[in-house]
C-alpha atoms as a PDB file:
ATOM      1  CA  MET A   1     207.699 127.063 220.072  1.00  0.00           C
ATOM      2  CA  LEU A   2     204.294 128.223 221.321  1.00  0.00           C
ATOM      3  CA  LEU A   3     201.629 129.747 219.103  1.00  0.00           C
ATOM      4  CA  GLU A   4     198.619 131.736 220.296  1.00  0.00           C
ATOM      5  CA  PHE A   5     195.201 130.302 219.408  1.00  0.00           C
ATOM      6  CA  LEU A   6     191.576 131.063 220.157  1.00  0.00           C
ATOM      7  CA  PHE A   7     190.671 129.153 223.331  1.00  0.00           C
ATOM      8  CA  SER A   8     187.064 130.214 223.856  1.00  0.00           C
ATOM      9  CA  LYS A   9     184.504 132.723 222.669  1.00  0.00           C
ATOM     10  CA  ILE A  10     181.171 134.075 223.895  1.00  0.00           C
ATOM     11  CA  HIS A  11     179.446 135.234 220.712  1.00  0.00           C
ATOM     12  CA  ARG A  12     177.072 138.230 220.585  1.00  0.00           C
ATOM     13  CA  ALA A  13     176.528 138.724 224.309  1.00  0.00           C
ATOM     14  CA  THR A  14     174.445 141.751 225.264  1.00  0.00           C
ATOM     15  CA  VAL A  15     176.059 144.294 227.592  1.00  0.00           C
ATOM     16  CA  THR A  16     173.734 144.670 230.583  1.00  0.00           C
ATOM     17  CA  ASP A  17     175.606 147.445 232.422  1.00  0.00           C
ATOM     18  CA  ALA A  18     178.595 149.766 232.156  1.00  0.00           C
ATOM     19  CA  ASN A  19     180.046 150.870 235.500  1.00  0.00           C
ATOM     20  CA  LEU A  20     182.552 153.699 235.016  1.00  0.00           C
ATOM     21  CA  ASN A  21     183.209 154.068 238.773  1.00  0.00           C
ATOM     22  CA  TYR A  22     184.647 150.575 239.220  1.00  0.00           C
ATOM     23  CA  VAL A  23     188.311 149.609 239.322  1.00  0.00           C
ATOM     24  CA  GLY A  24     188.218 147.719 236.006  1.00  0.00           C
ATOM     25  CA  SER A  25     187.322 144.403 234.340  1.00  0.00           C
ATOM     26  CA  ILE A  26     184.253 142.720 232.894  1.00  0.00           C
ATOM     27  CA  THR A  27     181.739 140.982 235.127  1.00  0.00           C
ATOM     28  CA  ILE A  28     180.318 137.831 233.500  1.00  0.00           C
ATOM     29  CA  ASP A  29     177.528 135.578 234.801  1.00  0.00           C
ATOM     30  CA  GLU A  30     179.225 132.519 236.356  1.00  0.00           C
ATOM     31  CA  ASP A  31     177.097 130.125 234.269  1.00  0.00           C
ATOM     32  CA  ILE A  32     178.261 131.793 231.046  1.00  0.00           C
ATOM     33  CA  MET A  33     181.867 131.742 232.317  1.00  0.00           C
ATOM     34  CA  LEU A  34     181.663 127.997 232.936  1.00  0.00           C
ATOM     35  CA  ALA A  35     180.173 127.342 229.496  1.00  0.00           C
ATOM     36  CA  ALA A  36     183.058 129.308 227.926  1.00  0.00           C
ATOM     37  CA  LYS A  37     185.707 127.711 230.177  1.00  0.00           C
ATOM     38  CA  LEU A  38     186.731 131.128 231.534  1.00  0.00           C
ATOM     39  CA  GLN A  39     188.383 131.563 234.910  1.00  0.00           C
ATOM     40  CA  GLU A  40     188.026 134.533 237.235  1.00  0.00           C
ATOM     41  CA  TRP A  41     190.904 136.997 236.705  1.00  0.00           C
ATOM     42  CA  GLN A  42     191.616 135.551 233.229  1.00  0.00           C
ATOM     43  CA  LYS A  43     192.567 138.020 230.504  1.00  0.00           C
ATOM     44  CA  VAL A  44     189.974 138.440 227.742  1.00  0.00           C
ATOM     45  CA  GLU A  45     189.520 140.603 224.692  1.00  0.00           C
ATOM     46  CA  ILE A  46     186.201 142.366 224.137  1.00  0.00           C
ATOM     47  CA  LEU A  47     185.068 143.106 220.574  1.00  0.00           C
ATOM     48  CA  ASN A  48     182.180 145.578 220.439  1.00  0.00           C
ATOM     49  CA  ILE A  49     180.015 144.828 217.413  1.00  0.00           C
ATOM     50  CA  ASN A  50     178.108 148.121 217.715  1.00  0.00           C
ATOM     51  CA  ASN A  51     181.021 150.540 217.583  1.00  0.00           C
ATOM     52  CA  GLY A  52     184.081 148.502 216.540  1.00  0.00           C
ATOM     53  CA  GLU A  53     185.980 149.032 219.813  1.00  0.00           C
ATOM     54  CA  ARG A  54     188.407 146.291 220.828  1.00  0.00           C
ATOM     55  CA  PHE A  55     189.935 146.200 224.297  1.00  0.00           C
ATOM     56  CA  GLN A  56     191.461 143.816 226.803  1.00  0.00           C
ATOM     57  CA  THR A  57     190.569 143.350 230.445  1.00  0.00           C
ATOM     58  CA  TYR A  58     190.100 140.541 232.971  1.00  0.00           C
ATOM     59  CA  VAL A  59     187.076 138.563 234.121  1.00  0.00           C
ATOM     60  CA  ILE A  60     185.254 138.962 237.422  1.00  0.00           C
ATOM     61  CA  LYS A  61     182.711 136.283 238.305  1.00  0.00           C
ATOM     62  CA  GLY A  62     179.126 137.515 238.348  1.00  0.00           C
ATOM     63  CA  GLU A  63     176.209 135.884 240.110  1.00  0.00           C
ATOM     64  CA  ALA A  64     175.146 132.624 238.456  1.00  0.00           C
ATOM     65  CA  GLY A  65     171.870 133.027 236.594  1.00  0.00           C
ATOM     66  CA  SER A  66     172.058 136.832 236.581  1.00  0.00           C
ATOM     67  CA  LYS A  67     172.877 137.004 232.818  1.00  0.00           C
ATOM     68  CA  VAL A  68     175.157 139.950 233.647  1.00  0.00           C
ATOM     69  CA  ILE A  69     177.733 141.230 231.164  1.00  0.00           C
ATOM     70  CA  CYS A  70     179.005 144.426 232.813  1.00  0.00           C
ATOM     71  CA  ILE A  71     181.875 146.509 231.471  1.00  0.00           C
ATOM     72  CA  ASN A  72     183.701 148.115 234.407  1.00  0.00           C
ATOM     73  CA  GLY A  73     186.119 150.996 234.873  1.00  0.00           C
ATOM     74  CA  ALA A  74     187.579 153.044 232.023  1.00  0.00           C
ATOM     75  CA  ALA A  75     186.395 150.456 229.484  1.00  0.00           C
ATOM     76  CA  ALA A  76     182.820 151.474 230.337  1.00  0.00           C
ATOM     77  CA  ARG A  77     183.442 154.331 227.867  1.00  0.00           C
ATOM     78  CA  LYS A  78     183.847 151.699 225.116  1.00  0.00           C
ATOM     79  CA  ALA A  79     180.529 149.852 225.529  1.00  0.00           C
ATOM     80  CA  GLN A  80     177.022 150.744 226.605  1.00  0.00           C
ATOM     81  CA  PRO A  81     174.102 148.633 227.842  1.00  0.00           C
ATOM     82  CA  GLY A  82     172.462 146.998 224.849  1.00  0.00           C
ATOM     83  CA  ASP A  83     175.682 146.752 222.808  1.00  0.00           C
ATOM     84  CA  LYS A  84     176.505 143.348 221.350  1.00  0.00           C
ATOM     85  CA  VAL A  85     179.987 142.063 222.163  1.00  0.00           C
ATOM     86  CA  ILE A  86     182.171 139.077 221.428  1.00  0.00           C
ATOM     87  CA  ILE A  87     184.310 137.991 224.390  1.00  0.00           C
ATOM     88  CA  VAL A  88     187.387 135.957 223.450  1.00  0.00           C
ATOM     89  CA  SER A  89     190.194 134.230 225.308  1.00  0.00           C
ATOM     90  CA  TYR A  90     193.390 132.819 223.865  1.00  0.00           C
ATOM     91  CA  ALA A  91     195.824 130.067 224.830  1.00  0.00           C
ATOM     92  CA  TYR A  92     199.412 129.309 223.937  1.00  0.00           C
ATOM     93  CA  LEU A  93     199.811 125.834 222.506  1.00  0.00           C
ATOM     94  CA  LYS A  94     202.624 123.846 220.976  1.00  0.00           C
ATOM     95  CA  PRO A  95     201.867 123.190 217.287  1.00  0.00           C
ATOM     96  CA  GLU A  96     201.943 119.427 217.900  1.00  0.00           C
ATOM     97  CA  LYS A  97     199.137 119.826 220.488  1.00  0.00           C
ATOM     98  CA  MET A  98     196.809 121.359 217.894  1.00  0.00           C
ATOM     99  CA  GLU A  99     195.683 118.022 216.485  1.00  0.00           C
ATOM    100  CA  GLY A 100     192.172 117.450 217.769  1.00  0.00           C
ATOM    101  CA  PHE A 101     191.996 120.859 219.480  1.00  0.00           C
ATOM    102  CA  ALA A 102     188.916 122.980 218.908  1.00  0.00           C
ATOM    103  CA  PRO A 103     188.026 126.219 220.685  1.00  0.00           C
ATOM    104  CA  THR A 104     184.917 126.439 222.836  1.00  0.00           C
ATOM    105  CA  VAL A 105     182.261 128.644 221.227  1.00  0.00           C
ATOM    106  CA  VAL A 106     179.300 129.757 223.339  1.00  0.00           C
ATOM    107  CA  LEU A 107     176.313 131.315 221.624  1.00  0.00           C
ATOM    108  CA  VAL A 108     173.897 133.381 223.666  1.00  0.00           C
ATOM    109  CA  ASP A 109     170.540 134.924 222.820  1.00  0.00           C
ATOM    110  CA  ASP A 110     169.546 138.582 223.293  1.00  0.00           C
ATOM    111  CA  GLU A 111     168.954 137.986 227.036  1.00  0.00           C
ATOM    112  CA  ASN A 112     172.347 136.235 227.490  1.00  0.00           C
ATOM    113  CA  ASN A 113     170.832 132.767 227.832  1.00  0.00           C
ATOM    114  CA  VAL A 114     173.311 130.129 226.673  1.00  0.00           C
ATOM    115  CA  ILE A 115     172.046 128.531 223.450  1.00  0.00           C
ATOM    116  CA  ILE A 116     175.099 126.331 222.732  1.00  0.00           C
END
């Protein structure tokens, strides 16, 4: 049996852009992606702290050091620049593999600099 668990989380990132005229996805600074162990094209869930919206999309790698968190496509209606979001990914694990497992939690400041 496999159970779904939190794999990683970027906590309280600031949305820097919302691009309605893009195909879809969320663009995340490559440095932040690496800290959160996210892969390009990986499915993530976005939790908007400002308005309570929750939606799923996939990650596109943004330029390293850019601090970009850009909501693309139709989801751009669910978040605006300046909104605080939590970006989460999940993994399926066998219960016996849970011993010693801990999710990766990345904290960022208001400018999307990685704190932890």
